[in-house]
């Protein structure tokens, strides 16, 4: 097993390295053919005076330019998941590559402009991007085909507890290219028979909602027999993962303290919220103005939709959104999430929801200090009360300020169950860092263009609970 995993890792790294080199080669071609002649040319003023010779580079200088491009491409590809061959679907890898290439080429254009001390032609950079997209698409599908040919889907044994396993089976079935559940056993069949079955011809074991007294033994048994394990963590597991390990005695001690962002982290986070919200309000003001006019012209109703939500310590505030539903969307007084093909959503609402334009007024909530850019999404008080009845731990996510986007939005969906969202939000809370905020901001840009992230709940649901 270790040998196979080593080969797989080497293959993924090699294919990723080849992809990065090819994309860098495209940039190198245009650098030497188009941009370096511009950078190195003499600069002539309007009056015809020679303003001096351009920048002259030798071999090491050119190597540095290409090395910077390669490193930037490696960073953004790794951040967006553009190198996760075999882990993501080929279309997801390509989609991630689009964002990585756009960010790198955007930065590189202004890097070249700085070298020239003036703006340079944009068209060659557009050509670079276009060629790279074609190569990236071919690379994503070719590498996926190579990976699948060498590493077929894993045959898995599913062990579940008292709750039905339909939900987890459905999720694994969305990745039949990676996993194949060939047998399911319930813990009621006896732990000894499950131990025996684990030694069968499987590539791994899924442990789904198994009581702790059985799960602990099952994990140790599989680990001791070098059997791959897929465990869906409980709330306690997520909390312990964020704990601090102490070395005070001759035995490991895990410290799980009451969560609190350090004062310097709070200061940096707030300063960043103010600066970025002001910049985005100015940049997005034309879009917000056009959206407001369209909403008002459609049915004459209010442009903004204000709704009471809860932020840190369940403090209530009024969140602002562009109205995407009909004026009487909740005339019965029942708070409910949008469902698939919800008839309450107006035609304009469908568009602004798909583009996330309806969220733009929340920039003012961030500027006012009620929200932050990254944090658990604020919920309505009525829905929180419903969740707390079955899941008291839902209160844990309100230990921090509510956010415009968060861990659960990046790695989950609109209709992800509250329990799964809670685990994702607690993962963010227990592993908080400034870098994690920056990473989630970068990934949020990608999520804005992902249709699955806005998928509604089922027609018979009022909340995301199932």
Protein backbone atom coordinates (compact mmCIF):
# COMPACT_ATOMS: atom_id res chain seq x y z
CA UNK A 1 0.00 0.00 0.00
CA UNK A 2 2.81 2.41 0.91
CA UNK A 3 4.54 1.64 -2.41
CA UNK A 4 1.38 2.36 -4.38
CA UNK A 5 0.82 5.65 -2.54
CA UNK A 6 4.42 6.70 -3.19
CA UNK A 7 4.06 5.95 -6.90
CA UNK A 8 0.78 7.87 -6.98
CA UNK A 9 2.35 10.87 -5.27
CA UNK A 10 5.33 10.88 -7.63
CA UNK A 11 3.03 10.63 -10.65
CA UNK A 12 0.83 13.53 -9.49
CA UNK A 13 3.87 15.71 -8.76
CA UNK A 14 5.44 14.86 -12.12
CA UNK A 15 2.26 15.57 -14.12
CA UNK A 16 1.73 18.79 -12.20
CA UNK A 17 5.33 19.88 -12.84
CA UNK A 18 4.93 19.19 -16.56
CA UNK A 19 1.74 21.27 -16.64
CA UNK A 20 3.41 24.21 -14.88
CA UNK A 21 6.41 24.04 -17.23
CA UNK A 22 4.19 24.05 -20.32
CA UNK A 23 2.22 27.08 -19.10
CA UNK A 24 5.45 28.89 -18.20
CA UNK A 25 6.85 28.05 -21.65
CA UNK A 26 3.88 29.81 -23.27
CA UNK A 27 4.59 32.91 -21.19
CA UNK A 28 8.32 32.65 -22.00
CA UNK A 29 7.60 32.61 -25.74
CA UNK A 30 5.60 35.84 -25.54
CA UNK A 31 8.09 37.37 -23.12
CA UNK A 32 11.00 36.99 -25.56
CA UNK A 33 8.93 37.62 -28.70
CA UNK A 34 6.76 40.55 -27.58
CA UNK A 35 7.22 41.97 -24.11
CA UNK A 36 11.01 42.00 -23.69
CA UNK A 37 11.53 43.98 -26.93
CA UNK A 38 9.02 46.54 -25.56
CA UNK A 39 10.70 46.66 -22.14
CA UNK A 40 14.19 47.00 -23.61
CA UNK A 41 13.31 49.50 -26.37
CA UNK A 42 14.30 53.18 -26.23
CA UNK A 43 11.55 55.41 -24.88
CA UNK A 44 10.59 58.39 -27.02
CA UNK A 45 8.48 61.28 -25.71
CA UNK A 46 5.69 63.03 -27.63
CA UNK A 47 8.15 65.78 -28.66
CA UNK A 48 10.54 63.22 -30.08
CA UNK A 49 13.11 63.36 -27.30
CA UNK A 50 14.90 60.18 -26.30
CA UNK A 51 14.00 59.46 -22.68
CA UNK A 52 16.69 56.83 -22.33
CA UNK A 53 17.19 53.20 -23.16
CA UNK A 54 14.90 50.53 -21.80
CA UNK A 55 15.73 47.75 -19.36
CA UNK A 56 18.46 45.39 -20.55
CA UNK A 57 18.46 41.87 -19.11
CA UNK A 58 21.01 39.10 -19.29
CA UNK A 59 20.44 35.36 -18.87
CA UNK A 60 19.96 35.51 -15.10
CA UNK A 61 17.53 38.40 -15.44
CA UNK A 62 15.36 36.46 -17.90
CA UNK A 63 15.60 33.40 -15.67
CA UNK A 64 14.38 35.46 -12.70
CA UNK A 65 11.37 36.76 -14.66
CA UNK A 66 10.36 33.23 -15.67
CA UNK A 67 11.07 31.86 -12.18
CA UNK A 68 8.74 34.47 -10.63
CA UNK A 69 6.01 33.47 -13.10
CA UNK A 70 6.53 29.77 -12.31
CA UNK A 71 6.40 30.36 -8.54
CA UNK A 72 3.25 32.49 -8.81
CA UNK A 73 1.64 29.83 -10.99
CA UNK A 74 2.59 27.13 -8.48
CA UNK A 75 1.16 29.18 -5.59
CA UNK A 76 -2.20 29.99 -7.19
CA UNK A 77 -2.60 26.55 -8.77
CA UNK A 78 -1.99 24.94 -5.40
CA UNK A 79 -4.35 27.41 -3.66
CA UNK A 80 -7.23 26.92 -6.10
CA UNK A 81 -6.71 23.15 -6.49
CA UNK A 82 -5.45 23.26 -10.06
CA UNK A 83 -2.87 20.55 -9.34
CA UNK A 84 -5.18 18.08 -7.60
CA UNK A 85 -5.04 15.45 -10.32
CA UNK A 86 -7.20 12.46 -9.45
CA UNK A 87 -8.54 14.22 -6.35
CA UNK A 88 -10.84 16.59 -8.24
CA UNK A 89 -12.83 15.89 -11.37
CA UNK A 90 -11.03 17.01 -14.56
CA UNK A 91 -13.51 19.84 -15.14
CA UNK A 92 -12.96 21.06 -11.58
CA UNK A 93 -9.20 20.97 -12.12
CA UNK A 94 -9.61 22.97 -15.33
CA UNK A 95 -11.95 25.42 -13.60
CA UNK A 96 -9.32 25.91 -10.87
CA UNK A 97 -6.65 26.43 -13.51
CA UNK A 98 -8.70 29.22 -15.08
CA UNK A 99 -8.57 31.24 -11.85
CA UNK A 100 -4.91 30.44 -11.22
CA UNK A 101 -3.87 31.49 -14.74
CA UNK A 102 -5.98 34.64 -14.62
CA UNK A 103 -4.46 35.75 -11.31
CA UNK A 104 -0.89 35.03 -12.43
CA UNK A 105 -1.28 36.75 -15.81
CA UNK A 106 -2.97 39.73 -14.17
CA UNK A 107 -0.05 40.16 -11.76
CA UNK A 108 2.52 39.51 -14.52
CA UNK A 109 1.01 42.19 -16.76
CA UNK A 110 1.54 44.86 -14.12
CA UNK A 111 4.97 43.45 -13.36
CA UNK A 112 5.94 44.01 -17.00
CA UNK A 113 4.36 47.48 -16.90
CA UNK A 114 6.54 48.34 -13.90
CA UNK A 115 9.63 47.17 -15.75
CA UNK A 116 8.65 49.44 -18.64
CA UNK A 117 7.52 52.28 -16.35
CA UNK A 118 4.40 52.53 -18.49
CA UNK A 119 1.46 50.41 -19.59
CA UNK A 120 2.22 47.77 -22.22
CA UNK A 121 -0.15 46.20 -24.81
CA UNK A 122 -2.78 43.95 -23.23
CA UNK A 123 -3.56 41.84 -26.31
CA UNK A 124 -0.44 39.61 -26.06
CA UNK A 125 -1.38 38.78 -22.45
CA UNK A 126 -4.90 37.89 -23.61
CA UNK A 127 -3.35 35.62 -26.25
CA UNK A 128 -1.19 33.99 -23.57
CA UNK A 129 -4.28 33.37 -21.45
CA UNK A 130 -6.23 31.94 -24.38
CA UNK A 131 -3.48 29.51 -25.41
CA UNK A 132 -2.96 28.46 -21.80
CA UNK A 133 -6.66 27.71 -21.37
CA UNK A 134 -6.64 25.37 -24.37
CA UNK A 135 -3.51 23.62 -23.09
CA UNK A 136 -4.92 23.49 -19.55
CA UNK A 137 -8.15 21.86 -20.74
CA UNK A 138 -6.22 19.20 -22.67
CA UNK A 139 -3.80 18.71 -19.75
CA UNK A 140 -6.61 18.29 -17.19
CA UNK A 141 -8.36 15.55 -19.15
CA UNK A 142 -5.17 13.83 -20.34
CA UNK A 143 -3.69 13.64 -16.84
CA UNK A 144 -7.02 12.44 -15.43
CA UNK A 145 -7.13 9.67 -18.05
CA UNK A 146 -3.57 8.61 -17.16
CA UNK A 147 -4.39 8.66 -13.44
CA UNK A 148 -7.59 6.60 -13.87
CA UNK A 149 -5.83 4.10 -16.11
CA UNK A 150 -3.16 3.43 -13.46
CA UNK A 151 -5.32 3.89 -10.34
CA UNK A 152 -8.91 2.58 -10.69
CA UNK A 153 -11.66 3.44 -8.15
CA UNK A 154 -11.20 2.07 -4.64
CA UNK A 155 -13.51 -0.74 -3.49
CA UNK A 156 -14.85 0.25 -0.07
CA UNK A 157 -16.69 -1.40 2.81
CA UNK A 158 -19.25 0.85 4.53
CA UNK A 159 -19.91 0.34 8.25
CA UNK A 160 -22.76 2.42 9.67
CA UNK A 161 -24.57 2.82 13.01
CA UNK A 162 -28.23 3.24 13.86
CA UNK A 163 -28.89 5.99 11.30
CA UNK A 164 -29.49 5.21 7.64
CA UNK A 165 -26.46 5.49 5.37
CA UNK A 166 -28.36 6.79 2.34
CA UNK A 167 -26.91 10.31 2.64
CA UNK A 168 -23.27 9.24 2.80
CA UNK A 169 -23.78 6.66 0.03
CA UNK A 170 -25.26 9.37 -2.17
CA UNK A 171 -22.23 11.59 -1.54
CA UNK A 172 -19.71 8.86 -2.33
CA UNK A 173 -21.66 7.95 -5.45
CA UNK A 174 -21.03 11.43 -6.83
CA UNK A 175 -17.38 10.37 -7.14
CA UNK A 176 -17.63 6.97 -8.76
CA UNK A 177 -14.40 7.78 -10.52
CA UNK A 178 -12.65 7.50 -7.13
CA UNK A 179 -14.81 5.29 -4.90
CA UNK A 180 -17.04 2.25 -5.24
CA UNK A 181 -18.99 1.05 -2.18
CA UNK A 182 -19.22 -2.68 -2.78
CA UNK A 183 -20.70 -3.74 0.56
CA UNK A 184 -22.54 -2.21 3.52
CA UNK A 185 -22.66 -3.56 7.08
CA UNK A 186 -24.46 -2.32 10.16
CA UNK A 187 -22.79 -2.32 13.56
CA UNK A 188 -25.70 -4.45 14.81
CA UNK A 189 -24.26 -7.40 12.85
CA UNK A 190 -21.58 -7.73 15.52
CA UNK A 191 -18.17 -6.13 15.86
CA UNK A 192 -16.31 -9.43 15.43
CA UNK A 193 -17.97 -10.16 12.09
CA UNK A 194 -17.16 -6.61 10.96
CA UNK A 195 -13.51 -7.07 11.98
CA UNK A 196 -13.40 -10.24 9.90
CA UNK A 197 -15.05 -8.53 6.92
CA UNK A 198 -12.53 -5.66 7.04
CA UNK A 199 -9.80 -8.16 6.13
CA UNK A 200 -11.61 -8.91 2.86
CA UNK A 201 -10.68 -7.67 -0.59
CA UNK A 202 -11.31 -3.96 0.06
CA UNK A 203 -9.22 -0.86 -0.50
CA UNK A 204 -10.64 0.90 2.53
CA UNK A 205 -13.38 1.10 5.15
CA UNK A 206 -15.91 3.92 5.63
CA UNK A 207 -16.99 4.46 9.23
CA UNK A 208 -20.30 6.32 9.25
CA UNK A 209 -22.03 7.37 12.48
CA UNK A 210 -20.78 4.41 14.50
CA UNK A 211 -21.11 4.76 18.33
CA UNK A 212 -17.85 5.68 20.03
CA UNK A 213 -17.49 2.41 21.94
CA UNK A 214 -17.36 0.52 18.62
CA UNK A 215 -15.74 3.19 16.49
CA UNK A 216 -12.60 3.48 18.62
CA UNK A 217 -11.95 -0.24 18.43
CA UNK A 218 -12.71 -0.34 14.71
CA UNK A 219 -10.28 2.51 13.99
CA UNK A 220 -7.51 0.81 15.98
CA UNK A 221 -8.18 -2.52 14.28
CA UNK A 222 -8.04 -1.05 10.77
CA UNK A 223 -4.98 1.04 11.59
CA UNK A 224 -3.20 -1.98 13.03
CA UNK A 225 -3.90 -3.98 9.87
CA UNK A 226 -2.84 -1.16 7.50
CA UNK A 227 -6.41 -0.68 6.24
CA UNK A 228 -7.31 2.74 4.87
CA UNK A 229 -10.09 4.40 6.94
CA UNK A 230 -12.60 7.10 5.96
CA UNK A 231 -14.16 8.55 9.12
CA UNK A 232 -16.88 11.21 9.20
CA UNK A 233 -15.91 13.27 12.29
CA UNK A 234 -18.28 14.19 15.08
CA UNK A 235 -18.34 17.64 16.71
CA UNK A 236 -15.96 16.50 19.45
CA UNK A 237 -13.46 15.27 16.85
CA UNK A 238 -13.44 18.66 15.12
CA UNK A 239 -12.89 20.46 18.43
CA UNK A 240 -10.04 18.16 19.43
CA UNK A 241 -8.38 18.63 16.06
CA UNK A 242 -7.99 22.33 16.88
CA UNK A 243 -6.52 21.70 20.32
CA UNK A 244 -2.99 22.53 21.44
CA UNK A 245 -0.63 19.73 22.41
CA UNK A 246 1.22 20.30 25.68
CA UNK A 247 4.47 18.64 26.74
CA UNK A 248 4.38 19.27 30.48
CA UNK A 249 4.56 15.65 31.58
CA UNK A 250 5.68 12.33 30.19
CA UNK A 251 2.25 11.83 28.61
CA UNK A 252 0.60 13.80 25.78
CA UNK A 253 -1.91 16.43 26.96
CA UNK A 254 -4.39 18.14 24.63
CA UNK A 255 -5.51 21.61 25.69
CA UNK A 256 -8.89 22.70 24.37
CA UNK A 257 -9.45 26.26 25.59
CA UNK A 258 -12.44 28.55 25.18
CA UNK A 259 -12.04 30.05 21.73
CA UNK A 260 -10.87 33.64 21.39
CA UNK A 261 -9.06 35.36 18.53
CA UNK A 262 -5.93 37.09 19.80
CA UNK A 263 -6.15 40.86 20.12
CA UNK A 264 -3.59 41.47 17.36
CA UNK A 265 -5.50 39.12 15.06
CA UNK A 266 -8.75 41.00 15.79
CA UNK A 267 -7.06 44.32 15.03
CA UNK A 268 -5.65 43.09 11.71
CA UNK A 269 -8.94 41.45 10.76
CA UNK A 270 -10.97 44.61 11.51
CA UNK A 271 -8.52 46.89 9.68
CA UNK A 272 -8.65 44.59 6.67
CA UNK A 273 -12.48 44.58 6.77
CA UNK A 274 -12.66 48.38 6.76
CA UNK A 275 -10.08 48.87 4.00
CA UNK A 276 -11.37 46.15 1.69
CA UNK A 277 -15.06 46.99 2.17
CA UNK A 278 -14.41 50.64 1.27
CA UNK A 279 -12.50 49.65 -1.87
CA UNK A 280 -15.18 47.16 -2.96
CA UNK A 281 -18.03 49.60 -2.28
CA UNK A 282 -16.40 52.15 -4.60
CA UNK A 283 -15.60 49.57 -7.30
CA UNK A 284 -19.02 47.89 -7.20
CA UNK A 285 -21.11 51.07 -6.93
CA UNK A 286 -22.02 51.11 -10.67
CA UNK A 287 -23.20 47.48 -10.45
CA UNK A 288 -25.21 48.21 -7.31
CA UNK A 289 -26.83 51.27 -8.93
CA UNK A 290 -27.87 49.31 -12.05
CA UNK A 291 -29.19 46.44 -9.91
CA UNK A 292 -31.25 48.82 -7.78
CA UNK A 293 -32.83 50.40 -10.88
CA UNK A 294 -33.69 46.97 -12.35
CA UNK A 295 -35.32 45.70 -9.15
CA UNK A 296 -37.35 48.87 -8.72
CA UNK A 297 -38.45 48.89 -12.36
CA UNK A 298 -39.55 45.23 -12.28
CA UNK A 299 -42.33 45.37 -9.66
CA UNK A 300 -41.98 48.71 -7.91
CA UNK A 301 -41.14 47.04 -4.61
CA UNK A 302 -38.29 47.91 -2.24
CA UNK A 303 -34.78 47.55 -3.59
CA UNK A 304 -33.20 46.25 -0.40
CA UNK A 305 -34.34 43.34 1.71
CA UNK A 306 -33.48 43.75 5.39
CA UNK A 307 -33.63 40.74 7.63
CA UNK A 308 -32.73 40.14 11.27
CA UNK A 309 -29.72 37.85 11.62
CA UNK A 310 -27.41 36.83 14.46
CA UNK A 311 -23.70 37.51 14.71
CA UNK A 312 -21.17 36.95 17.52
CA UNK A 313 -22.76 35.95 20.86
CA UNK A 314 -26.16 35.81 19.10
CA UNK A 315 -26.26 39.60 18.86
CA UNK A 316 -28.95 40.58 16.38
CA UNK A 317 -28.51 42.97 13.47
CA UNK A 318 -30.24 43.71 10.18
CA UNK A 319 -28.48 42.19 7.20
CA UNK A 320 -28.95 43.94 3.85
CA UNK A 321 -29.41 42.25 0.49
CA UNK A 322 -30.79 43.21 -2.87
CA UNK A 323 -34.32 41.81 -2.95
CA UNK A 324 -34.38 38.70 -5.14
CA UNK A 325 -37.86 37.43 -4.20
CA UNK A 326 -41.37 38.74 -4.60
CA UNK A 327 -42.53 41.28 -2.01
CA UNK A 328 -44.87 38.75 -0.32
CA UNK A 329 -42.34 35.89 -0.29
CA UNK A 330 -42.94 35.15 3.39
CA UNK A 331 -46.49 36.43 3.83
CA UNK A 332 -47.30 33.37 5.98
CA UNK A 333 -44.63 34.44 8.48
CA UNK A 334 -42.63 31.21 8.16
CA UNK A 335 -38.85 31.64 7.80
CA UNK A 336 -37.57 29.34 5.08
CA UNK A 337 -34.54 28.94 2.83
CA UNK A 338 -34.89 29.19 -0.93
CA UNK A 339 -35.70 25.84 -2.55
CA UNK A 340 -34.81 24.49 -5.96
CA UNK A 341 -36.83 26.31 -8.67
CA UNK A 342 -38.42 28.47 -5.96
CA UNK A 343 -41.40 30.32 -7.49
CA UNK A 344 -40.88 33.21 -5.07
CA UNK A 345 -37.63 34.23 -6.82
CA UNK A 346 -38.14 36.89 -9.50
CA UNK A 347 -36.41 36.68 -12.92
CA UNK A 348 -34.04 39.46 -11.89
CA UNK A 349 -33.56 37.69 -8.57
CA UNK A 350 -32.43 34.51 -10.30
CA UNK A 351 -29.73 36.43 -12.14
CA UNK A 352 -28.40 38.42 -9.21
CA UNK A 353 -28.44 35.31 -6.98
CA UNK A 354 -26.49 33.26 -9.53
CA UNK A 355 -23.91 36.07 -9.81
CA UNK A 356 -24.01 36.78 -6.04
CA UNK A 357 -24.80 40.43 -6.77
CA UNK A 358 -27.59 40.24 -4.18
CA UNK A 359 -24.90 39.99 -1.47
CA UNK A 360 -23.14 43.28 -2.34
CA UNK A 361 -25.07 45.49 0.16
CA UNK A 362 -23.56 43.39 2.93
CA UNK A 363 -20.35 45.36 2.34
CA UNK A 364 -22.05 48.10 4.38
CA UNK A 365 -22.75 45.57 7.18
CA UNK A 366 -19.04 44.76 7.18
CA UNK A 367 -18.07 48.43 7.25
CA UNK A 368 -20.46 48.97 10.20
CA UNK A 369 -18.79 46.11 12.12
CA UNK A 370 -21.78 43.75 12.26
CA UNK A 371 -20.06 41.28 9.93
CA UNK A 372 -16.61 40.39 8.70
CA UNK A 373 -15.45 39.10 5.32
CA UNK A 374 -14.65 35.59 6.51
CA UNK A 375 -16.69 33.83 9.19
CA UNK A 376 -19.76 31.62 9.66
CA UNK A 377 -22.75 32.87 7.68
CA UNK A 378 -25.31 34.68 9.91
CA UNK A 379 -28.54 32.77 10.46
CA UNK A 380 -32.03 34.02 11.32
CA UNK A 381 -33.02 33.80 15.03
CA UNK A 382 -36.04 31.61 14.22
CA UNK A 383 -33.95 29.11 12.25
CA UNK A 384 -31.27 29.07 14.96
CA UNK A 385 -33.92 28.13 17.52
CA UNK A 386 -35.04 25.22 15.30
CA UNK A 387 -31.46 23.99 14.91
CA UNK A 388 -30.70 24.30 18.64
CA UNK A 389 -33.60 22.01 19.55
CA UNK A 390 -31.91 19.04 17.86
CA UNK A 391 -28.34 20.30 17.85
CA UNK A 392 -27.33 22.40 20.91
CA UNK A 393 -23.76 22.58 19.57
CA UNK A 394 -24.99 24.93 16.82
CA UNK A 395 -24.40 27.77 19.32
CA UNK A 396 -20.63 27.12 19.08
CA UNK A 397 -20.42 28.75 15.64
CA UNK A 398 -21.52 32.08 17.16
CA UNK A 399 -18.31 32.42 19.15
CA UNK A 400 -17.01 34.58 16.30
CA UNK A 401 -18.42 37.40 14.17
CA UNK A 402 -20.63 36.36 11.24
CA UNK A 403 -19.07 36.56 7.80
CA UNK A 404 -19.89 37.35 4.19
CA UNK A 405 -18.24 34.06 3.25
CA UNK A 406 -16.67 31.27 5.23
CA UNK A 407 -15.30 27.76 5.42
CA UNK A 408 -18.76 26.23 5.04
CA UNK A 409 -19.43 28.27 1.89
CA UNK A 410 -16.11 27.34 0.28
CA UNK A 411 -16.25 23.63 1.07
CA UNK A 412 -20.02 23.21 1.35
CA UNK A 413 -23.14 24.26 -0.54
CA UNK A 414 -26.21 26.40 0.11
CA UNK A 415 -28.18 23.25 0.96
CA UNK A 416 -25.48 21.53 3.03
CA UNK A 417 -27.07 20.23 6.24
CA UNK A 418 -26.68 22.39 9.39
CA UNK A 419 -24.72 19.60 11.11
CA UNK A 420 -22.17 19.46 8.30
CA UNK A 421 -22.02 23.27 8.10
CA UNK A 422 -21.39 23.38 11.83
CA UNK A 423 -18.46 20.99 11.52
CA UNK A 424 -17.01 23.08 8.69
CA UNK A 425 -17.45 26.34 10.60
CA UNK A 426 -15.88 24.84 13.72
CA UNK A 427 -12.94 23.69 11.62
CA UNK A 428 -12.40 27.35 10.70
CA UNK A 429 -12.88 28.59 14.26
CA UNK A 430 -10.53 26.06 15.83
CA UNK A 431 -7.81 26.53 13.19
CA UNK A 432 -8.05 30.29 12.71
CA UNK A 433 -5.16 32.26 11.26
CA UNK A 434 -4.76 35.37 9.10
CA UNK A 435 -3.43 33.14 6.32
CA UNK A 436 -6.58 30.97 6.49
CA UNK A 437 -8.66 34.13 5.98
CA UNK A 438 -6.58 35.09 2.94
CA UNK A 439 -6.83 31.59 1.49
CA UNK A 440 -10.62 31.49 1.95
CA UNK A 441 -10.93 34.90 0.30
CA UNK A 442 -9.05 33.63 -2.74
CA UNK A 443 -11.18 30.48 -2.86
CA UNK A 444 -14.40 32.50 -2.46
CA UNK A 445 -13.73 34.13 -5.84
CA UNK A 446 -13.84 30.67 -7.38
CA UNK A 447 -17.00 29.69 -5.47
CA UNK A 448 -18.83 32.73 -6.89
CA UNK A 449 -18.79 30.99 -10.26
CA UNK A 450 -19.67 27.51 -8.99
CA UNK A 451 -23.37 26.65 -9.62
CA UNK A 452 -23.50 23.89 -6.95
CA UNK A 453 -22.77 26.41 -4.22
CA UNK A 454 -26.11 28.16 -4.79
CA UNK A 455 -28.21 24.98 -5.12
CA UNK A 456 -31.43 25.32 -3.11
CA UNK A 457 -32.95 22.95 -0.58
CA UNK A 458 -35.68 20.48 -1.53
CA UNK A 459 -39.23 21.70 -2.05
CA UNK A 460 -40.53 20.20 1.22
CA UNK A 461 -37.82 21.81 3.36
CA UNK A 462 -37.99 25.14 5.17
CA UNK A 463 -34.41 24.89 6.44
CA UNK A 464 -31.37 22.88 5.39
CA UNK A 465 -32.24 20.10 7.86
CA UNK A 466 -33.06 16.71 6.36
